[in-house]
Amino acid sequence: MKGNKVASRYAKALLDLAVEKNSLDQVNNDMLHVAQVLDESKDLSAVLGSPVISPDKKATILDAVFEKNISPMSIGFLRLIVKKTRAGILTEIADSFISHYKKHNNILDVYLTSAVALDNSVKEKVLIKVKAKHTGQVNLIEKIDTTLIGGFVVRMDDAQLDASIANQLTNLKNLLLN
């Protein structure tokens, strides 16, 4: 939990700076890129988290990986993270920034999980219901999970609507056993 609070504070500071410098969208794209690279390269994540590797070496590695692909502000931020010996939580910082960015811009991620691919009319109905309760932008993220058997699960923020056959069967089983 402590790492999450620290990551959130660094991310919030970067968000505030990006807003002040009028480069919020650019920094968001940079953090999306950083998060993707770190997610795809477990070796890079391991190097950044290693206490054996010096901060200077970590800064050199980050410069080599990111300098040509992200803005000078974001590179400066990465160097600051390394200097403050927080390189091991860079993934969490990037993810936290993306989360703060979405909250700042009133963007809601809605996760729609179904047993099979849903047609556009069902997706539109889900979006209409969500947009009735949320005034900002809605990102629909779809996922297929065959263990649901049928139906779907909609998750947004801390709310979840489970209209899956698997859930209905579990509820029926619990009802019969009690």
Protein backbone atom coordinates (compact mmCIF):
# COMPACT_ATOMS: atom_id res chain seq x y z
CA MET A 1 0.00 0.00 0.00
CA LYS A 2 2.85 2.35 0.80
CA GLY A 3 4.23 2.06 -2.76
CA ASN A 4 0.82 2.90 -4.18
CA LYS A 5 0.59 6.10 -2.12
CA VAL A 6 4.07 7.15 -3.16
CA ALA A 7 3.33 6.33 -6.82
CA SER A 8 0.09 8.29 -6.64
CA ARG A 9 1.85 11.34 -5.20
CA TYR A 10 4.50 11.36 -7.91
CA ALA A 11 1.84 10.82 -10.58
CA LYS A 12 -0.29 13.66 -9.19
CA ALA A 13 2.73 15.98 -9.13
CA LEU A 14 3.45 15.13 -12.78
CA LEU A 15 -0.20 15.71 -13.67
CA ASP A 16 -0.15 19.13 -11.99
CA LEU A 17 3.04 20.07 -13.81
CA ALA A 18 1.66 18.88 -17.16
CA VAL A 19 -1.52 20.92 -16.64
CA GLU A 20 0.56 23.96 -15.71
CA LYS A 21 2.77 23.54 -18.80
CA ASN A 22 -0.24 22.83 -21.03
CA SER A 23 1.14 19.46 -22.14
CA LEU A 24 -1.21 17.05 -20.40
CA ASP A 25 -2.12 14.98 -23.46
CA GLN A 26 1.54 14.63 -24.50
CA VAL A 27 2.59 13.51 -21.03
CA ASN A 28 -0.32 11.04 -20.93
CA ASN A 29 0.86 9.54 -24.23
CA ASP A 30 4.39 9.37 -22.79
CA MET A 31 3.21 7.56 -19.66
CA LEU A 32 1.14 5.16 -21.78
CA HIS A 33 4.32 4.40 -23.73
CA VAL A 34 6.40 3.99 -20.56
CA ALA A 35 3.82 1.66 -19.02
CA GLN A 36 3.63 -0.42 -22.19
CA VAL A 37 7.42 -0.76 -22.51
CA LEU A 38 7.82 -1.69 -18.85
CA ASP A 39 4.98 -4.19 -19.10
CA GLU A 40 6.51 -5.82 -22.18
CA SER A 41 10.08 -5.86 -20.85
CA LYS A 42 10.35 -7.68 -17.56
CA ASP A 43 14.15 -7.39 -17.80
CA LEU A 44 13.94 -3.59 -17.83
CA SER A 45 11.57 -3.67 -14.87
CA ALA A 46 13.96 -5.95 -13.00
CA VAL A 47 16.91 -3.63 -13.71
CA LEU A 48 14.97 -0.60 -12.47
CA GLY A 49 13.97 -2.43 -9.30
CA SER A 50 17.45 -3.75 -8.56
CA PRO A 51 19.19 -2.15 -5.58
CA VAL A 52 22.56 -3.33 -6.96
CA ILE A 53 22.43 -1.15 -10.07
CA SER A 54 23.39 2.46 -9.48
CA PRO A 55 20.92 5.31 -10.12
CA ASP A 56 23.32 6.77 -12.72
CA LYS A 57 23.27 3.51 -14.66
CA LYS A 58 19.46 3.33 -14.41
CA ALA A 59 19.18 6.92 -15.71
CA THR A 60 21.45 6.05 -18.63
CA ILE A 61 19.33 3.01 -19.46
CA LEU A 62 16.08 4.99 -19.29
CA ASP A 63 17.58 7.70 -21.50
CA ALA A 64 18.60 5.08 -24.06
CA VAL A 65 15.18 3.45 -24.05
CA PHE A 66 12.90 6.50 -23.92
CA GLU A 67 14.72 9.71 -24.89
CA LYS A 68 13.77 9.61 -28.57
CA ASN A 69 10.18 8.55 -27.92
CA ILE A 70 8.89 10.83 -25.18
CA SER A 71 8.87 14.54 -24.40
CA PRO A 72 11.71 16.31 -22.56
CA MET A 73 9.38 16.93 -19.61
CA SER A 74 8.69 13.23 -19.25
CA ILE A 75 12.39 12.34 -19.60
CA GLY A 76 13.16 14.87 -16.88
CA PHE A 77 10.51 13.28 -14.71
CA LEU A 78 11.99 9.80 -15.25
CA ARG A 79 15.42 11.13 -14.27
CA LEU A 80 13.92 12.64 -11.11
CA ILE A 81 12.28 9.30 -10.25
CA VAL A 82 15.66 7.56 -10.59
CA LYS A 83 17.43 10.27 -8.56
CA LYS A 84 14.87 9.86 -5.77
CA THR A 85 15.47 6.04 -5.86
CA ARG A 86 11.91 5.33 -6.94
CA ALA A 87 12.73 3.63 -10.26
CA GLY A 88 11.44 0.33 -8.87
CA ILE A 89 7.88 1.71 -8.79
CA LEU A 90 7.98 3.41 -12.18
CA THR A 91 5.29 1.09 -13.56
CA GLU A 92 2.99 1.99 -10.67
CA ILE A 93 3.73 5.69 -11.15
CA ALA A 94 2.90 5.51 -14.87
CA ASP A 95 -0.30 3.54 -14.19
CA SER A 96 -1.27 5.97 -11.45
CA PHE A 97 -0.68 8.93 -13.78
CA ILE A 98 -2.93 7.37 -16.41
CA SER A 99 -5.60 6.86 -13.77
CA HIS A 100 -5.28 10.47 -12.56
CA TYR A 101 -5.41 11.67 -16.19
CA LYS A 102 -8.66 9.78 -16.79
CA LYS A 103 -10.17 11.16 -13.61
CA HIS A 104 -9.03 14.70 -14.51
CA ASN A 105 -10.65 14.42 -17.95
CA ASN A 106 -13.78 12.61 -16.69
CA ILE A 107 -13.03 9.43 -18.66
CA LEU A 108 -14.62 6.21 -17.42
CA ASP A 109 -13.35 2.76 -18.38
CA VAL A 110 -16.18 0.23 -18.67
CA TYR A 111 -15.15 -3.42 -18.86
CA LEU A 112 -17.60 -5.65 -20.71
CA THR A 113 -16.80 -9.35 -20.33
CA SER A 114 -18.87 -11.90 -22.21
CA ALA A 115 -18.74 -15.58 -23.16
CA VAL A 116 -18.83 -14.74 -26.88
CA ALA A 117 -18.33 -11.59 -28.92
CA LEU A 118 -21.36 -9.34 -28.53
CA ASP A 119 -23.02 -7.61 -31.44
CA ASN A 120 -23.02 -3.84 -31.71
CA SER A 121 -26.64 -3.43 -30.60
CA VAL A 122 -25.92 -5.02 -27.20
CA LYS A 123 -22.79 -2.88 -26.79
CA GLU A 124 -24.78 0.25 -27.65
CA LYS A 125 -27.43 -0.62 -25.05
CA VAL A 126 -24.73 -1.05 -22.41
CA LEU A 127 -23.16 2.28 -23.41
CA ILE A 128 -26.53 4.05 -23.29
CA LYS A 129 -27.13 2.76 -19.74
CA VAL A 130 -23.65 3.80 -18.62
CA LYS A 131 -23.84 7.22 -20.26
CA ALA A 132 -27.14 7.85 -18.46
CA LYS A 133 -25.17 7.74 -15.20
CA HIS A 134 -21.85 9.21 -16.37
CA THR A 135 -21.56 12.59 -18.06
CA GLY A 136 -18.01 12.26 -19.42
CA GLN A 137 -16.33 10.10 -22.01
CA VAL A 138 -16.81 6.32 -21.78
CA ASN A 139 -14.22 3.80 -22.99
CA LEU A 140 -15.71 0.36 -23.59
CA ILE A 141 -13.14 -2.38 -23.09
CA GLU A 142 -14.30 -5.80 -24.22
CA LYS A 143 -13.04 -9.18 -23.05
CA ILE A 144 -14.09 -12.74 -23.89
CA ASP A 145 -14.29 -15.24 -21.02
CA THR A 146 -15.77 -18.61 -22.01
CA THR A 147 -16.18 -19.64 -18.35
CA LEU A 148 -19.17 -17.30 -18.16
CA ILE A 149 -21.08 -19.82 -20.34
CA GLY A 150 -23.40 -17.04 -21.54
CA GLY A 151 -24.49 -13.52 -20.68
CA PHE A 152 -22.07 -10.77 -19.67
CA VAL A 153 -20.44 -8.89 -16.80
CA VAL A 154 -20.14 -5.09 -16.81
CA ARG A 155 -17.60 -3.52 -14.44
CA MET A 156 -16.92 0.20 -13.96
CA ASP A 157 -15.16 1.82 -11.05
CA ASP A 158 -16.31 -0.13 -8.00
CA ALA A 159 -19.64 -1.27 -9.46
CA GLN A 160 -20.30 -4.57 -11.19
CA LEU A 161 -23.35 -6.00 -12.93
CA ASP A 162 -23.10 -9.77 -13.34
CA ALA A 163 -25.67 -11.03 -15.84
CA SER A 164 -23.77 -14.21 -16.67
CA ILE A 165 -25.18 -17.72 -16.80
CA ALA A 166 -22.31 -18.93 -14.59
CA ASN A 167 -23.36 -16.45 -11.87
CA GLN A 168 -27.01 -17.45 -12.16
CA LEU A 169 -26.06 -21.14 -11.84
CA THR A 170 -23.92 -20.37 -8.78
CA ASN A 171 -26.79 -18.44 -7.17
CA LEU A 172 -29.20 -21.29 -7.92
CA LYS A 173 -26.78 -23.83 -6.44
CA ASN A 174 -26.39 -21.75 -3.27
CA LEU A 175 -30.16 -21.39 -3.01
CA LEU A 176 -30.67 -25.17 -3.31
CA LEU A 177 -27.92 -25.97 -0.79
CA ASN A 178 -29.34 -23.60 1.84
